Amino acid sequence: MSKAKRVAWLLRAALAFLFLAGTAPASQNMEPFFRQGALRVLILSGRNNHDWRSTTPYLKKLLAGSGLFDVRVTEEPDGMTAEALAPYHLLVVDYMGPRWGRETEKAVEGFVRMGKGMVVVHGASYAFSGREVLGDGHVRTGIFEPPWPEYAKMVGGIWSDSSAHGDRHSFEVRFTDREHPITRGMGESFFATDELYHDQRMEPTAQILATAYSDPATRGTGEHEPILWTVGYHDGRVFYTALGHDLNAMSVPGFAATFVRGCEWAATGKVTLGPQIDTYKRPENALRVLLVTGGHDYDTEFYTLFDGNWLVWDHITSNHQAFSSDIRDGYDVLVLYDLSHEITENERKNLRDFVESDKGLVVLHHAIANYNSWPWWWREVVGGRYILPETVKSASSYKHDVDLLVRPKGKHPITAGVGPLYIRDETYKDMWISPEVRVILETDEPTSDGPVAWISPYQKSRVMFLQLGHDRLAHLHPAYRELVKRSILWSAGRLE
């Protein structure tokens, strides 16, 4: 064995050891780490002549969003053992690269053979065919190891020397078997915008569920080519979709529905999911949040704090507009990131009604300077005030771009699991802080008062203040993002 091959072998062995030690311990030790009752899925990824760095997370998102699956990903399948695969119900292959080695390949064969499931996506039917895919997508034959014949039997159809695809275009995918659990109730067809593979080498065991016409006008074959099919491999089940070239292709509703339903079928032999998979569905119990900004500039990365389907949120850029009417029935949490000086009597009443109704209030960064002339607001509700120069002679001060070491003070659900953090942010000094607040984050930075986050003593709603958050350096910081999310959840009474 050459030195280069020895180094490559040792690297693969080390990565395999890390995978087994860190993410896939023995099945008897691993199962408690999965969500109880979920179908356990492992996505095999890491190499592909397609953009697996974006498609693999999207496949994971589709599965997780259905509520049925608990999903893990490995980017180094080479080195997995049967013991590592044992906790899972399903393997999803989003991979096109070198072979995995005989031990791993036998483990995968055994996994499906014993009655479990596998789903293979798009270009993964090209894998292990004895071909090499270069970075520019062109093909050279006879470079890789010999083909993996058993993989072809499991997948039911792989690329041959005559396989190809024409120009990418929109085409109709028609179901040819509408009684299969995957396709039942889905209608006659759906449209895809994708590559349309043709002349794949089909195994006689493949049960074709859908085809599409490969139009000669797009350099196709003039034939109806298989697009979706299943294979029974010993006691196991395999589903293949030729769709899914990239995120655009995967965003088609038909892809999402057939992929997720195909995963359920491959894992269990039945399908309980409906024919429509809403990839943008909001959960029924999502928090309703009103975000108020205005009066102070900020980086637009701030909005990414509210990504995700754990909340629905409205954004208003003026406190006058936000509190012009009663907002109690519309929202669970009010998040303030504004700098507002004036507020009318009617607006005061509506804001006061909200915070007296057992709701949530999260005050972020410069919103601590709101309503300096309204003592009830800053003294009783927020528990602190940034003193503006026009208010008194001894005003508060700030400093930009300070490197802070921030640590939790005591234990609180908002800071649980976050731990100490290092962040570059703006500091505030000489604020008025109520002696009755419960400080949950603090710093020793001299340009800061010390308390960085606190819980207000206010009793009629759950109120917290987080002083961090001046610009994108904070908005994109993982710990800050987690703190904002946990603050909102806690203020809504959903984090104990």
Protein backbone atom coordinates (compact mmCIF):
# COMPACT_ATOMS: atom_id res chain seq x y z
CA MET A 1 0.00 0.00 0.00
CA SER A 2 1.37 3.40 -0.97
CA LYS A 3 1.94 6.13 1.62
CA ALA A 4 -0.90 8.23 0.16
CA LYS A 5 -3.32 5.29 0.37
CA ARG A 6 -2.23 4.53 3.96
CA VAL A 7 -2.88 8.16 4.95
CA ALA A 8 -6.30 8.12 3.26
CA TRP A 9 -7.18 4.82 4.95
CA LEU A 10 -6.14 6.10 8.39
CA LEU A 11 -8.13 9.31 7.87
CA ARG A 12 -11.28 7.35 6.95
CA ALA A 13 -10.78 5.07 9.95
CA ALA A 14 -10.38 8.03 12.29
CA LEU A 15 -13.50 9.72 10.94
CA ALA A 16 -15.44 6.50 11.24
CA PHE A 17 -14.31 6.13 14.86
CA LEU A 18 -15.42 9.69 15.61
CA PHE A 19 -18.79 9.02 14.00
CA LEU A 20 -19.34 5.88 16.02
CA ALA A 21 -18.06 7.37 19.25
CA GLY A 22 -19.78 10.73 18.93
CA THR A 23 -22.99 10.25 17.02
CA ALA A 24 -23.79 6.56 16.69
CA PRO A 25 -22.99 4.53 19.79
CA ALA A 26 -24.33 1.05 20.34
CA SER A 27 -28.06 0.74 19.78
CA GLN A 28 -28.84 -0.04 23.40
CA ASN A 29 -27.21 3.24 24.41
CA MET A 30 -28.42 5.35 21.50
CA GLU A 31 -32.18 4.88 21.51
CA PRO A 32 -32.84 7.12 24.57
CA PHE A 33 -31.39 10.05 22.63
CA PHE A 34 -34.18 9.94 20.03
CA ARG A 35 -37.61 11.48 20.37
CA GLN A 36 -39.90 8.85 21.81
CA GLY A 37 -42.22 7.29 19.27
CA ALA A 38 -40.53 8.91 16.24
CA LEU A 39 -39.29 7.04 13.18
CA ARG A 40 -35.51 7.23 13.37
CA VAL A 41 -33.79 8.31 10.15
CA LEU A 42 -30.13 8.55 9.18
CA ILE A 43 -29.30 10.59 6.07
CA LEU A 44 -26.10 9.47 4.32
CA SER A 45 -24.46 12.48 2.68
CA GLY A 46 -21.15 14.30 2.40
CA ARG A 47 -20.19 13.60 -1.22
CA ASN A 48 -22.17 14.37 -4.35
CA ASN A 49 -21.90 15.99 -7.75
CA HIS A 50 -25.02 17.88 -6.61
CA ASP A 51 -25.23 20.53 -3.91
CA TRP A 52 -25.65 18.17 -0.97
CA ARG A 53 -24.75 20.99 1.46
CA SER A 54 -28.14 22.53 0.75
CA THR A 55 -30.24 19.51 -0.28
CA THR A 56 -29.42 17.36 2.75
CA PRO A 57 -30.56 19.98 5.32
CA TYR A 58 -33.71 20.50 3.25
CA LEU A 59 -34.49 16.78 3.23
CA LYS A 60 -34.00 16.77 6.98
CA LYS A 61 -36.33 19.75 7.30
CA LEU A 62 -39.03 18.04 5.23
CA LEU A 63 -38.89 14.94 7.40
CA ALA A 64 -38.77 16.79 10.70
CA GLY A 65 -41.61 19.08 9.65
CA SER A 66 -43.94 16.12 9.14
CA GLY A 67 -43.78 15.35 12.86
CA LEU A 68 -43.13 11.64 12.25
CA PHE A 69 -39.35 11.50 12.08
CA ASP A 70 -36.29 12.11 14.24
CA VAL A 71 -33.44 12.71 11.81
CA ARG A 72 -29.65 12.45 12.03
CA VAL A 73 -27.06 13.11 9.31
CA THR A 74 -23.63 11.65 8.68
CA GLU A 75 -21.24 13.14 6.14
CA GLU A 76 -18.82 10.21 6.41
CA PRO A 77 -20.76 7.00 5.80
CA ASP A 78 -17.53 5.09 5.22
CA GLY A 79 -16.82 3.05 8.35
CA MET A 80 -20.33 2.57 9.71
CA THR A 81 -21.12 -0.83 11.19
CA ALA A 82 -24.30 -2.83 11.60
CA GLU A 83 -24.31 -1.87 15.27
CA ALA A 84 -24.19 1.83 14.36
CA LEU A 85 -27.17 1.45 12.03
CA ALA A 86 -29.21 -0.73 14.38
CA PRO A 87 -31.18 2.08 16.13
CA TYR A 88 -32.56 3.47 12.87
CA HIS A 89 -35.71 2.58 10.94
CA LEU A 90 -34.69 4.26 7.68
CA LEU A 91 -31.65 5.29 5.66
CA VAL A 92 -31.92 8.19 3.18
CA VAL A 93 -29.15 8.28 0.56
CA ASP A 94 -28.23 11.77 -0.70
CA TYR A 95 -24.75 10.65 -1.75
CA MET A 96 -22.67 10.20 -4.89
CA GLY A 97 -19.05 9.41 -4.19
CA PRO A 98 -16.52 6.68 -3.43
CA ARG A 99 -17.65 3.31 -2.15
CA TRP A 100 -18.02 2.89 1.61
CA GLY A 101 -15.93 -0.23 2.15
CA ARG A 102 -17.14 -3.80 2.47
CA GLU A 103 -18.06 -3.66 6.16
CA THR A 104 -20.30 -0.65 5.70
CA GLU A 105 -21.83 -1.99 2.50
CA LYS A 106 -22.65 -5.30 4.17
CA ALA A 107 -24.14 -3.38 7.10
CA VAL A 108 -26.41 -1.41 4.73
CA GLU A 109 -27.41 -4.56 2.86
CA GLY A 110 -28.21 -6.27 6.15
CA PHE A 111 -30.11 -3.24 7.40
CA VAL A 112 -32.55 -3.36 4.47
CA ARG A 113 -32.56 -7.15 4.18
CA MET A 114 -33.81 -7.55 7.77
CA GLY A 115 -36.95 -5.51 7.10
CA LYS A 116 -35.97 -1.86 7.42
CA GLY A 117 -36.18 0.90 4.83
CA MET A 118 -34.04 2.91 2.44
CA VAL A 119 -34.89 5.95 0.29
CA VAL A 120 -32.58 6.97 -2.55
CA VAL A 121 -32.69 10.49 -4.00
CA HIS A 122 -31.94 11.63 -7.57
CA GLY A 123 -28.23 11.32 -8.40
CA ALA A 124 -27.66 8.67 -5.73
CA SER A 125 -28.76 6.15 -8.37
CA TYR A 126 -25.50 7.05 -10.09
CA ALA A 127 -23.42 6.05 -7.07
CA PHE A 128 -21.28 2.91 -6.97
CA SER A 129 -21.69 2.27 -10.71
CA GLY A 130 -17.99 2.13 -11.51
CA ARG A 131 -17.98 5.69 -12.84
CA GLU A 132 -16.35 8.88 -11.61
CA VAL A 133 -18.06 12.24 -11.61
CA LEU A 134 -15.72 15.19 -12.00
CA GLY A 135 -16.30 18.59 -10.48
CA ASP A 136 -17.71 19.97 -13.74
CA GLY A 137 -20.24 17.16 -13.97
CA HIS A 138 -18.58 15.30 -16.86
CA VAL A 139 -18.11 11.56 -16.59
CA ARG A 140 -15.10 9.31 -16.89
CA THR A 141 -15.52 5.55 -16.72
CA GLY A 142 -13.18 2.93 -15.31
CA ILE A 143 -11.70 5.17 -12.62
CA PHE A 144 -13.58 4.18 -9.48
CA GLU A 145 -13.67 0.78 -7.82
CA PRO A 146 -15.82 -1.91 -9.41
CA PRO A 147 -19.59 -1.38 -9.11
CA TRP A 148 -21.49 -2.46 -5.99
CA PRO A 149 -23.93 -4.96 -7.54
CA GLU A 150 -26.10 -5.38 -4.46
CA TYR A 151 -26.73 -1.63 -4.36
CA ALA A 152 -28.25 -1.85 -7.85
CA LYS A 153 -30.54 -4.62 -6.63
CA MET A 154 -31.63 -2.54 -3.65
CA VAL A 155 -32.21 0.66 -5.63
CA GLY A 156 -33.95 -1.10 -8.53
CA GLY A 157 -32.47 1.11 -11.22
CA ILE A 158 -29.08 2.77 -11.69
CA TRP A 159 -27.22 4.65 -14.38
CA SER A 160 -25.72 2.69 -17.25
CA ASP A 161 -23.48 3.75 -20.11
CA SER A 162 -26.52 4.99 -22.07
CA SER A 163 -28.14 6.86 -19.16
CA ALA A 164 -28.35 10.65 -19.30
CA HIS A 165 -30.76 13.54 -19.04
CA GLY A 166 -31.78 16.29 -21.42
CA ASP A 167 -32.22 19.97 -20.73
CA ARG A 168 -33.70 20.84 -17.42
CA HIS A 169 -37.34 21.83 -17.87
CA SER A 170 -40.85 21.58 -16.41
CA PHE A 171 -42.66 18.33 -17.07
CA GLU A 172 -45.66 16.37 -15.86
CA VAL A 173 -45.10 13.38 -13.60
CA ARG A 174 -48.00 10.95 -14.02
CA PHE A 175 -48.78 8.21 -11.52
CA THR A 176 -48.96 4.80 -13.14
CA ASP A 177 -49.83 3.00 -9.91
CA ARG A 178 -52.37 4.97 -7.90
CA GLU A 179 -53.13 2.16 -5.47
CA HIS A 180 -49.73 1.99 -3.83
CA PRO A 181 -49.70 3.49 -0.30
CA ILE A 182 -47.26 6.21 -1.40
CA THR A 183 -49.42 7.45 -4.29
CA ARG A 184 -52.93 6.64 -3.06
CA GLY A 185 -55.09 9.75 -2.87
CA MET A 186 -52.56 12.01 -4.59
CA GLY A 187 -54.43 12.63 -7.83
CA GLU A 188 -53.33 11.74 -11.33
CA SER A 189 -50.14 13.80 -11.68
CA PHE A 190 -48.03 16.75 -10.60
CA PHE A 191 -45.55 19.05 -12.31
CA ALA A 192 -41.82 19.05 -11.65
CA THR A 193 -39.03 21.37 -12.76
CA ASP A 194 -36.00 19.14 -12.79
CA GLU A 195 -33.65 16.95 -14.74
CA LEU A 196 -35.48 14.07 -16.40
CA TYR A 197 -33.29 10.97 -16.28
CA HIS A 198 -33.56 8.49 -19.13
CA ASP A 199 -32.29 5.00 -19.93
CA GLN A 200 -31.50 4.00 -16.37
CA ARG A 201 -30.81 0.27 -16.10
CA MET A 202 -33.91 -1.10 -14.37
CA GLU A 203 -34.08 -4.25 -12.29
CA PRO A 204 -37.08 -6.56 -12.84
CA THR A 205 -37.97 -6.18 -9.16
CA ALA A 206 -38.71 -2.44 -9.51
CA GLN A 207 -42.37 -1.49 -9.17
CA ILE A 208 -42.84 1.75 -11.11
CA LEU A 209 -45.17 4.26 -9.48
CA ALA A 210 -44.80 7.26 -11.84
CA THR A 211 -43.32 8.18 -15.21
CA ALA A 212 -42.73 11.34 -17.24
CA TYR A 213 -42.52 11.90 -20.98
CA SER A 214 -38.96 12.64 -22.08
CA ASP A 215 -39.56 15.15 -24.85
CA PRO A 216 -37.11 15.11 -27.80
CA ALA A 217 -37.48 18.91 -27.87
CA THR A 218 -35.49 19.00 -24.62
CA ARG A 219 -32.99 16.37 -25.84
CA GLY A 220 -35.10 13.56 -24.42
CA THR A 221 -35.78 10.05 -25.65
CA GLY A 222 -39.39 10.41 -26.77
CA GLU A 223 -40.27 7.73 -24.20
CA HIS A 224 -42.12 7.72 -20.89
CA GLU A 225 -39.28 7.33 -18.40
CA PRO A 226 -39.61 5.90 -14.86
CA ILE A 227 -39.49 8.63 -12.20
CA LEU A 228 -40.67 6.97 -8.96
CA TRP A 229 -40.45 3.33 -8.02
CA THR A 230 -40.22 0.90 -5.14
CA VAL A 231 -38.28 -2.29 -4.57
CA GLY A 232 -38.82 -5.14 -2.16
CA TYR A 233 -35.36 -6.24 -1.06
CA HIS A 234 -35.75 -9.44 0.96
CA ASP A 235 -37.81 -8.24 3.98
CA GLY A 236 -37.01 -4.56 3.48
CA ARG A 237 -38.47 -1.73 1.41
CA VAL A 238 -36.73 0.78 -0.89
CA PHE A 239 -38.21 3.90 -2.51
CA TYR A 240 -36.40 5.80 -5.26
CA THR A 241 -37.18 9.25 -6.66
CA ALA A 242 -35.39 10.50 -9.75
CA LEU A 243 -36.42 14.04 -8.76
CA GLY A 244 -34.47 16.43 -6.55
CA HIS A 245 -31.61 17.96 -8.51
CA ASP A 246 -31.42 21.02 -6.21
CA LEU A 247 -33.49 23.08 -3.78
CA ASN A 248 -35.59 24.51 -6.58
CA ALA A 249 -36.52 21.03 -7.72
CA MET A 250 -37.14 19.82 -4.17
CA SER A 251 -39.44 22.76 -3.46
CA VAL A 252 -42.10 21.39 -5.83
CA PRO A 253 -45.06 20.16 -3.73
CA GLY A 254 -45.11 16.86 -5.60
CA PHE A 255 -41.53 16.14 -4.63
CA ALA A 256 -42.16 16.92 -0.97
CA ALA A 257 -45.28 14.76 -0.79
CA THR A 258 -43.84 11.72 -2.57
CA PHE A 259 -40.52 11.95 -0.73
CA VAL A 260 -41.97 12.18 2.79
CA ARG A 261 -44.70 9.63 2.11
CA GLY A 262 -42.08 7.39 0.49
CA CYS A 263 -39.95 7.67 3.62
CA GLU A 264 -42.86 6.65 5.85
CA TRP A 265 -43.65 3.70 3.61
CA ALA A 266 -40.04 2.53 3.43
CA ALA A 267 -39.73 2.73 7.22
CA THR A 268 -43.06 1.12 8.12
CA GLY A 269 -44.74 -0.41 5.08
CA LYS A 270 -47.71 1.95 5.35
CA VAL A 271 -48.53 5.63 4.85
CA THR A 272 -50.53 7.70 7.33
CA LEU A 273 -49.50 11.14 6.06
CA GLY A 274 -51.95 13.00 3.86
CA PRO A 275 -51.42 13.62 0.14
CA GLN A 276 -50.47 17.27 0.73
CA ILE A 277 -47.28 18.09 2.62
CA ASP A 278 -47.24 21.74 3.62
CA THR A 279 -43.54 22.56 3.87
CA TYR A 280 -44.33 26.02 5.22
CA LYS A 281 -47.01 24.95 7.68
CA ARG A 282 -47.09 26.78 10.96
CA PRO A 283 -47.82 24.68 14.04
CA GLU A 284 -51.19 25.31 15.60
CA ASN A 285 -49.61 26.32 18.90
CA ALA A 286 -47.02 28.69 17.40
CA LEU A 287 -46.45 31.79 19.49
CA ARG A 288 -48.02 35.02 18.24
CA VAL A 289 -45.43 37.77 18.53
CA LEU A 290 -45.66 41.49 17.82
CA LEU A 291 -42.28 43.10 17.08
CA VAL A 292 -42.03 46.87 17.38
CA THR A 293 -39.08 48.80 15.94
CA GLY A 294 -38.47 52.43 14.99
CA GLY A 295 -36.55 55.43 16.26
CA HIS A 296 -33.14 53.75 16.00
CA ASP A 297 -31.28 52.18 13.08
CA TYR A 298 -30.22 48.53 13.09
CA ASP A 299 -28.75 45.86 10.84
CA THR A 300 -31.29 43.84 8.89
CA GLU A 301 -29.75 40.60 10.18
CA PHE A 302 -31.90 41.35 13.23
CA TYR A 303 -34.91 39.90 11.41
CA THR A 304 -33.29 36.48 11.16
CA LEU A 305 -33.82 36.11 14.91
CA PHE A 306 -37.43 35.35 14.12
CA ASP A 307 -36.85 32.62 11.55
CA GLY A 308 -38.47 29.27 12.19
CA ASN A 309 -41.92 27.80 12.59
CA TRP A 310 -42.00 28.13 16.37
CA LEU A 311 -43.65 31.54 16.09
CA VAL A 312 -45.73 33.77 13.85
CA TRP A 313 -44.89 37.44 14.04
CA ASP A 314 -46.02 40.83 12.87
CA HIS A 315 -43.68 43.77 12.54
CA ILE A 316 -44.67 47.40 13.13
CA THR A 317 -42.18 50.25 12.76
CA SER A 318 -43.93 52.79 14.99
CA ASN A 319 -45.07 52.58 18.59
CA HIS A 320 -47.95 54.90 17.69
CA GLN A 321 -49.23 52.41 15.14
CA ALA A 322 -48.51 49.39 17.33
CA PHE A 323 -50.54 50.63 20.30
CA SER A 324 -53.29 52.54 18.53
CA SER A 325 -55.71 49.74 19.38
CA ASP A 326 -56.13 46.88 21.85
CA ILE A 327 -53.60 44.13 21.04
CA ARG A 328 -54.42 41.67 23.83
CA ASP A 329 -56.35 39.20 21.69
CA GLY A 330 -53.86 39.18 18.84
CA TYR A 331 -50.54 38.39 20.51
CA ASP A 332 -48.91 36.32 23.23
CA VAL A 333 -45.63 38.26 23.41
CA LEU A 334 -44.60 41.85 22.72
CA VAL A 335 -40.96 42.31 21.64
CA LEU A 336 -39.63 45.88 21.75
CA TYR A 337 -36.58 46.91 19.74
CA ASP A 338 -37.63 50.53 19.27
CA LEU A 339 -36.46 53.82 20.74
CA SER A 340 -39.65 55.76 21.42
CA HIS A 341 -39.90 58.97 23.42
CA GLU A 342 -43.55 59.97 23.20
CA ILE A 343 -46.73 57.97 23.63
CA THR A 344 -50.30 59.25 23.72
CA GLU A 345 -52.78 58.54 26.50
CA ASN A 346 -54.73 56.11 24.31
CA GLU A 347 -51.53 54.30 23.34
CA ARG A 348 -50.45 54.15 26.98
CA LYS A 349 -53.76 52.53 27.88
CA ASN A 350 -53.48 49.86 25.19
CA LEU A 351 -49.86 49.09 26.09
CA ARG A 352 -50.72 48.98 29.78
CA ASP A 353 -53.72 46.73 29.15
CA PHE A 354 -51.43 44.28 27.35
CA VAL A 355 -48.78 44.07 30.08
CA GLU A 356 -51.45 43.75 32.77
CA SER A 357 -53.05 40.74 31.06
CA ASP A 358 -50.58 37.97 31.96
CA LYS A 359 -48.79 38.26 28.61
CA GLY A 360 -45.10 38.29 27.69
CA LEU A 361 -42.83 41.31 27.23
CA VAL A 362 -39.24 41.16 25.96
CA VAL A 363 -37.30 44.44 25.92
CA LEU A 364 -34.19 44.34 23.73
CA HIS A 365 -31.16 46.61 23.80
CA HIS A 366 -31.98 50.28 23.08
CA ALA A 367 -35.66 49.81 23.98
CA ILE A 368 -34.48 50.24 27.60
CA ALA A 369 -34.48 54.00 26.79
CA ASN A 370 -38.20 54.07 25.94
CA TYR A 371 -40.55 56.50 27.70
CA ASN A 372 -38.11 58.25 30.05
CA SER A 373 -40.95 60.50 31.19
CA TRP A 374 -43.27 57.59 32.14
CA PRO A 375 -42.09 56.33 35.53
CA TRP A 376 -44.66 53.52 35.72
CA TRP A 377 -43.16 52.03 32.57
CA TRP A 378 -39.47 52.02 33.44
CA ARG A 379 -39.73 51.72 37.23
CA GLU A 380 -42.44 49.09 37.64
CA VAL A 381 -42.63 47.23 34.32
CA VAL A 382 -39.13 47.12 32.84
CA GLY A 383 -37.18 47.51 36.06
CA GLY A 384 -34.60 49.78 34.48
CA ARG A 385 -34.00 52.87 32.39
CA TYR A 386 -31.31 54.16 30.09
CA ILE A 387 -31.27 57.84 31.11
CA LEU A 388 -31.35 60.13 28.09
CA PRO A 389 -29.36 63.38 28.12
CA GLU A 390 -32.46 65.57 27.85
CA THR A 391 -33.87 64.01 31.03
CA VAL A 392 -31.16 64.79 33.62
CA LYS A 393 -27.61 66.09 33.63
CA SER A 394 -26.05 62.77 34.67
CA ALA A 395 -27.17 60.72 31.68
CA SER A 396 -26.31 57.12 30.87
CA SER A 397 -23.52 56.38 28.39
CA TYR A 398 -22.75 53.78 25.76
CA LYS A 399 -19.72 52.38 23.99
CA HIS A 400 -19.65 50.52 20.68
CA ASP A 401 -17.63 47.45 19.74
CA VAL A 402 -16.68 46.23 23.18
CA ASP A 403 -15.46 42.67 23.62
CA LEU A 404 -17.52 41.25 26.47
CA LEU A 405 -17.25 38.17 28.58
CA VAL A 406 -20.79 37.51 29.78
CA ARG A 407 -21.69 34.86 32.34
CA PRO A 408 -24.96 33.59 33.79
CA LYS A 409 -25.83 34.65 37.32
CA GLY A 410 -27.69 31.94 39.14
CA LYS A 411 -29.92 29.49 37.31
CA HIS A 412 -32.80 30.46 35.05
CA PRO A 413 -34.59 28.73 32.14
CA ILE A 414 -33.56 31.52 29.75
CA THR A 415 -29.84 30.99 30.34
CA ALA A 416 -29.98 27.23 30.85
CA GLY A 417 -27.64 25.54 28.41
CA VAL A 418 -26.24 28.82 27.08
CA GLY A 419 -23.40 29.19 29.55
CA PRO A 420 -20.74 31.93 29.48
CA LEU A 421 -20.33 33.70 26.16
CA TYR A 422 -17.85 35.97 24.45
CA ILE A 423 -19.43 38.62 22.25
CA ARG A 424 -18.62 41.99 20.67
CA ASP A 425 -21.44 44.41 21.40
CA GLU A 426 -22.41 47.81 22.73
CA THR A 427 -22.31 48.44 26.49
CA TYR A 428 -24.46 50.74 28.64
CA LYS A 429 -23.25 52.53 31.76
CA ASP A 430 -24.89 54.52 34.59
CA MET A 431 -28.42 53.27 33.95
CA TRP A 432 -31.03 53.20 36.66
CA ILE A 433 -31.63 49.56 37.60
CA SER A 434 -34.23 48.54 40.15
CA PRO A 435 -32.77 46.73 43.16
CA GLU A 436 -35.68 44.30 42.84
CA VAL A 437 -34.77 42.85 39.43
CA ARG A 438 -33.39 39.34 39.19
CA VAL A 439 -30.14 39.54 37.22
CA ILE A 440 -29.56 36.46 35.04
CA LEU A 441 -26.57 37.64 32.95
CA GLU A 442 -23.69 39.87 34.01
CA THR A 443 -20.26 41.09 32.96
CA ASP A 444 -17.19 42.63 34.63
CA GLU A 445 -16.58 44.97 31.69
CA PRO A 446 -15.84 48.47 33.15
CA THR A 447 -17.92 50.27 30.49
CA SER A 448 -21.00 48.33 31.60
CA ASP A 449 -23.10 48.54 34.75
CA GLY A 450 -22.64 44.79 35.15
CA PRO A 451 -26.17 43.41 34.70
CA VAL A 452 -26.71 42.43 31.05
CA ALA A 453 -30.07 40.67 31.37
CA TRP A 454 -32.68 40.60 34.10
CA ILE A 455 -36.16 39.52 35.03
CA SER A 456 -38.44 42.36 36.09
CA PRO A 457 -40.24 42.12 39.44
CA TYR A 458 -43.46 43.05 37.64
CA GLN A 459 -46.18 40.59 38.66
CA LYS A 460 -48.92 40.99 36.04
CA SER A 461 -46.90 39.66 33.09
CA ARG A 462 -43.57 37.94 32.49
CA VAL A 463 -41.09 40.71 31.62
CA MET A 464 -37.41 40.39 30.80
CA PHE A 465 -34.71 42.74 29.50
CA LEU A 466 -31.71 41.73 27.38
CA GLN A 467 -29.17 44.52 26.94
CA LEU A 468 -27.19 42.75 24.18
CA GLY A 469 -28.08 43.15 20.51
CA HIS A 470 -26.64 46.30 18.91
CA ASP A 471 -25.72 44.99 15.45
CA ARG A 472 -25.18 41.98 13.23
CA LEU A 473 -22.24 40.75 15.33
CA ALA A 474 -24.75 40.07 18.07
CA HIS A 475 -27.73 39.17 15.86
CA LEU A 476 -25.79 36.35 14.19
CA HIS A 477 -24.13 35.11 17.38
CA PRO A 478 -25.53 31.63 18.18
CA ALA A 479 -25.71 32.30 21.92
CA TYR A 480 -27.51 35.62 21.44
CA ARG A 481 -29.98 34.01 19.05
CA GLU A 482 -30.68 31.30 21.59
CA LEU A 483 -31.13 33.85 24.36
CA VAL A 484 -33.69 35.83 22.33
CA LYS A 485 -35.63 32.69 21.46
CA ARG A 486 -35.62 31.43 25.03
CA SER A 487 -36.60 34.87 26.32
CA ILE A 488 -39.66 34.92 24.08
CA LEU A 489 -40.60 31.37 25.03
CA TRP A 490 -40.17 32.09 28.73
CA SER A 491 -42.17 35.29 28.59
CA ALA A 492 -45.01 33.30 26.97
CA GLY A 493 -44.94 30.77 29.80
CA ARG A 494 -43.57 27.97 27.58
CA LEU A 495 -40.17 27.58 29.16
CA GLU A 496 -39.96 26.54 32.78
